[in-house]
């Protein structure tokens, strides 16, 4: 999976959370619990994306460095 695909997936997950955010703002406490769970999933996904980027950067740097 490319970094663009991973980021697009995270953004889609967050877009789906908008409905629960609206419900929570309207007073639905259960929607808040779902929103917190979805937020935690997004955090994990973004950490994975960050690691992917770091790994690619390190690999590129290793390719450029003469042995």
N, C-alpha and C. Protein backbone atom coordinates (compact mmCIF):
# COMPACT_ATOMS: atom_id res chain seq x y z
N UNK A 1 0.85 -1.18 0.00
CA UNK A 1 0.00 0.00 0.00
C UNK A 1 0.90 1.24 0.00
N UNK A 2 0.58 2.17 -0.86
CA UNK A 2 1.36 3.39 -0.94
C UNK A 2 0.95 4.35 0.18
N UNK A 3 1.77 5.35 0.39
CA UNK A 3 1.45 6.34 1.43
C UNK A 3 0.18 7.11 1.06
N UNK A 4 0.00 7.38 -0.21
CA UNK A 4 -1.20 8.09 -0.66
C UNK A 4 -2.45 7.26 -0.39
N UNK A 5 -2.38 5.97 -0.68
CA UNK A 5 -3.51 5.08 -0.43
C UNK A 5 -3.82 5.00 1.06
N UNK A 6 -2.79 4.91 1.88
CA UNK A 6 -2.96 4.83 3.33
C UNK A 6 -3.61 6.11 3.86
N UNK A 7 -3.14 7.26 3.42
CA UNK A 7 -3.69 8.53 3.87
C UNK A 7 -5.13 8.69 3.40
N UNK A 8 -5.42 8.28 2.19
CA UNK A 8 -6.79 8.34 1.67
C UNK A 8 -7.72 7.47 2.50
N UNK A 9 -7.25 6.31 2.90
CA UNK A 9 -8.04 5.42 3.73
C UNK A 9 -8.33 6.06 5.09
N UNK A 10 -7.34 6.67 5.70
CA UNK A 10 -7.53 7.34 6.99
C UNK A 10 -8.54 8.48 6.85
N UNK A 11 -8.42 9.25 5.79
CA UNK A 11 -9.35 10.36 5.58
C UNK A 11 -10.79 9.86 5.39
N UNK A 12 -10.95 8.76 4.68
CA UNK A 12 -12.29 8.20 4.49
C UNK A 12 -12.87 7.74 5.82
N UNK A 13 -12.03 7.11 6.66
CA UNK A 13 -12.48 6.68 7.98
C UNK A 13 -12.93 7.89 8.81
N UNK A 14 -12.19 8.96 8.73
CA UNK A 14 -12.55 10.16 9.49
C UNK A 14 -13.82 10.81 8.95
N UNK A 15 -13.99 10.77 7.63
CA UNK A 15 -15.21 11.32 7.05
C UNK A 15 -16.44 10.56 7.55
N UNK A 16 -16.29 9.25 7.71
CA UNK A 16 -17.40 8.45 8.22
C UNK A 16 -17.71 8.80 9.67
N UNK A 17 -16.74 9.34 10.37
CA UNK A 17 -16.93 9.71 11.77
C UNK A 17 -17.70 11.02 11.93
N UNK A 18 -17.85 11.76 10.86
CA UNK A 18 -18.54 13.05 10.94
C UNK A 18 -19.98 12.91 11.45
N UNK A 19 -20.67 11.88 11.01
CA UNK A 19 -22.05 11.69 11.44
C UNK A 19 -22.12 11.48 12.95
N UNK A 20 -21.20 10.67 13.49
CA UNK A 20 -21.18 10.46 14.93
C UNK A 20 -20.81 11.74 15.68
N UNK A 21 -19.95 12.55 15.10
CA UNK A 21 -19.59 13.82 15.72
C UNK A 21 -20.81 14.73 15.80
N UNK A 22 -21.58 14.76 14.73
CA UNK A 22 -22.80 15.57 14.73
C UNK A 22 -23.80 15.07 15.78
N UNK A 23 -23.95 13.74 15.84
CA UNK A 23 -24.87 13.16 16.83
C UNK A 23 -24.40 13.46 18.25
N UNK A 24 -23.10 13.36 18.47
CA UNK A 24 -22.56 13.65 19.81
C UNK A 24 -22.81 15.11 20.18
N UNK A 25 -22.59 16.00 19.24
CA UNK A 25 -22.84 17.42 19.50
C UNK A 25 -24.31 17.70 19.79
N UNK A 26 -25.18 16.84 19.28
CA UNK A 26 -26.61 17.00 19.53
C UNK A 26 -27.05 16.35 20.84
N UNK A 27 -26.11 15.73 21.55
CA UNK A 27 -26.44 15.16 22.85
C UNK A 27 -26.44 13.65 22.93
N UNK A 28 -26.11 12.96 21.87
CA UNK A 28 -26.11 11.50 21.87
C UNK A 28 -24.78 11.00 22.44
N UNK A 29 -24.81 10.51 23.67
CA UNK A 29 -23.59 10.07 24.35
C UNK A 29 -22.99 8.83 23.70
N UNK A 30 -23.82 7.92 23.21
CA UNK A 30 -23.32 6.71 22.56
C UNK A 30 -22.48 7.04 21.33
N UNK A 31 -22.87 8.08 20.64
CA UNK A 31 -22.10 8.50 19.46
C UNK A 31 -20.72 8.97 19.88
N UNK A 32 -20.60 9.54 21.06
CA UNK A 32 -19.30 9.97 21.57
C UNK A 32 -18.36 8.80 21.77
N UNK A 33 -18.89 7.68 22.28
CA UNK A 33 -18.07 6.48 22.47
C UNK A 33 -17.58 5.95 21.12
N UNK A 34 -18.47 5.94 20.14
CA UNK A 34 -18.07 5.48 18.80
C UNK A 34 -17.03 6.42 18.20
N UNK A 35 -17.22 7.69 18.42
CA UNK A 35 -16.29 8.69 17.90
C UNK A 35 -14.90 8.53 18.51
N UNK A 36 -14.86 8.28 19.81
CA UNK A 36 -13.57 8.07 20.47
C UNK A 36 -12.87 6.84 19.91
N UNK A 37 -13.63 5.77 19.68
CA UNK A 37 -13.05 4.54 19.13
C UNK A 37 -12.52 4.79 17.72
N UNK A 38 -13.31 5.46 16.90
CA UNK A 38 -12.89 5.75 15.54
C UNK A 38 -11.66 6.66 15.52
N UNK A 39 -11.61 7.58 16.47
CA UNK A 39 -10.45 8.48 16.57
C UNK A 39 -9.19 7.70 16.91
N UNK A 40 -9.33 6.73 17.81
CA UNK A 40 -8.17 5.92 18.20
C UNK A 40 -7.68 5.08 17.03
N UNK A 41 -8.60 4.56 16.24
CA UNK A 41 -8.22 3.80 15.04
C UNK A 41 -7.46 4.70 14.07
N UNK A 42 -7.94 5.93 13.92
CA UNK A 42 -7.28 6.88 13.02
C UNK A 42 -5.87 7.20 13.52
N UNK A 43 -5.72 7.35 14.84
CA UNK A 43 -4.40 7.63 15.42
C UNK A 43 -3.44 6.49 15.09
N UNK A 44 -3.90 5.26 15.28
CA UNK A 44 -3.04 4.10 14.97
C UNK A 44 -2.66 4.07 13.50
N UNK A 45 -3.63 4.34 12.65
CA UNK A 45 -3.38 4.33 11.20
C UNK A 45 -2.38 5.42 10.81
N UNK A 46 -2.51 6.59 11.43
CA UNK A 46 -1.57 7.68 11.13
C UNK A 46 -0.17 7.36 11.64
N UNK A 47 -0.07 6.66 12.75
CA UNK A 47 1.25 6.24 13.24
C UNK A 47 1.88 5.25 12.27
N UNK A 48 1.06 4.35 11.73
CA UNK A 48 1.56 3.41 10.73
C UNK A 48 2.04 4.15 9.48
N UNK A 49 1.27 5.15 9.06
CA UNK A 49 1.65 5.96 7.90
C UNK A 49 2.96 6.67 8.17
N UNK A 50 3.10 7.23 9.34
CA UNK A 50 4.33 7.93 9.71
C UNK A 50 5.53 6.99 9.64
N UNK A 51 5.35 5.76 10.14
CA UNK A 51 6.43 4.79 10.09
C UNK A 51 6.77 4.41 8.65
N UNK A 52 5.74 4.27 7.82
CA UNK A 52 5.97 3.97 6.40
C UNK A 52 6.83 5.04 5.76
N UNK A 53 6.50 6.31 6.03
CA UNK A 53 7.25 7.42 5.46
C UNK A 53 8.69 7.40 5.95
N UNK A 54 8.88 7.17 7.24
CA UNK A 54 10.23 7.12 7.79
C UNK A 54 11.05 6.00 7.17
N UNK A 55 10.41 4.84 6.99
CA UNK A 55 11.11 3.70 6.40
C UNK A 55 11.53 3.98 4.96
N UNK A 56 10.65 4.60 4.20
CA UNK A 56 10.96 4.93 2.80
C UNK A 56 12.10 5.95 2.76
N UNK A 57 12.02 6.95 3.63
CA UNK A 57 13.08 7.96 3.66
C UNK A 57 14.43 7.33 3.99
N UNK A 58 14.45 6.41 4.96
CA UNK A 58 15.69 5.76 5.35
C UNK A 58 16.22 4.89 4.20
N UNK A 59 15.32 4.21 3.51
CA UNK A 59 15.75 3.37 2.38
C UNK A 59 16.32 4.22 1.26
N UNK A 60 15.69 5.34 0.99
CA UNK A 60 16.20 6.24 -0.05
C UNK A 60 17.56 6.80 0.32
N UNK A 61 17.71 7.14 1.57
CA UNK A 61 18.98 7.69 2.03
C UNK A 61 20.08 6.62 1.93
N UNK A 62 19.73 5.37 2.27
CA UNK A 62 20.71 4.28 2.19
C UNK A 62 21.12 4.02 0.73
N UNK A 63 20.19 4.19 -0.20
CA UNK A 63 20.51 3.98 -1.62
C UNK A 63 21.47 5.05 -2.13
N UNK A 64 21.35 6.27 -1.62
CA UNK A 64 22.18 7.37 -2.09
C UNK A 64 23.57 7.32 -1.49
N UNK A 65 23.69 6.77 -0.30
CA UNK A 65 24.98 6.73 0.39
C UNK A 65 25.88 5.69 -0.27
N UNK A 66 27.06 6.13 -0.75
CA UNK A 66 27.99 5.17 -1.37
C UNK A 66 28.56 4.22 -0.30
N UNK A 67 28.73 2.99 -0.67
CA UNK A 67 29.22 1.97 0.27
C UNK A 67 30.72 1.96 0.36
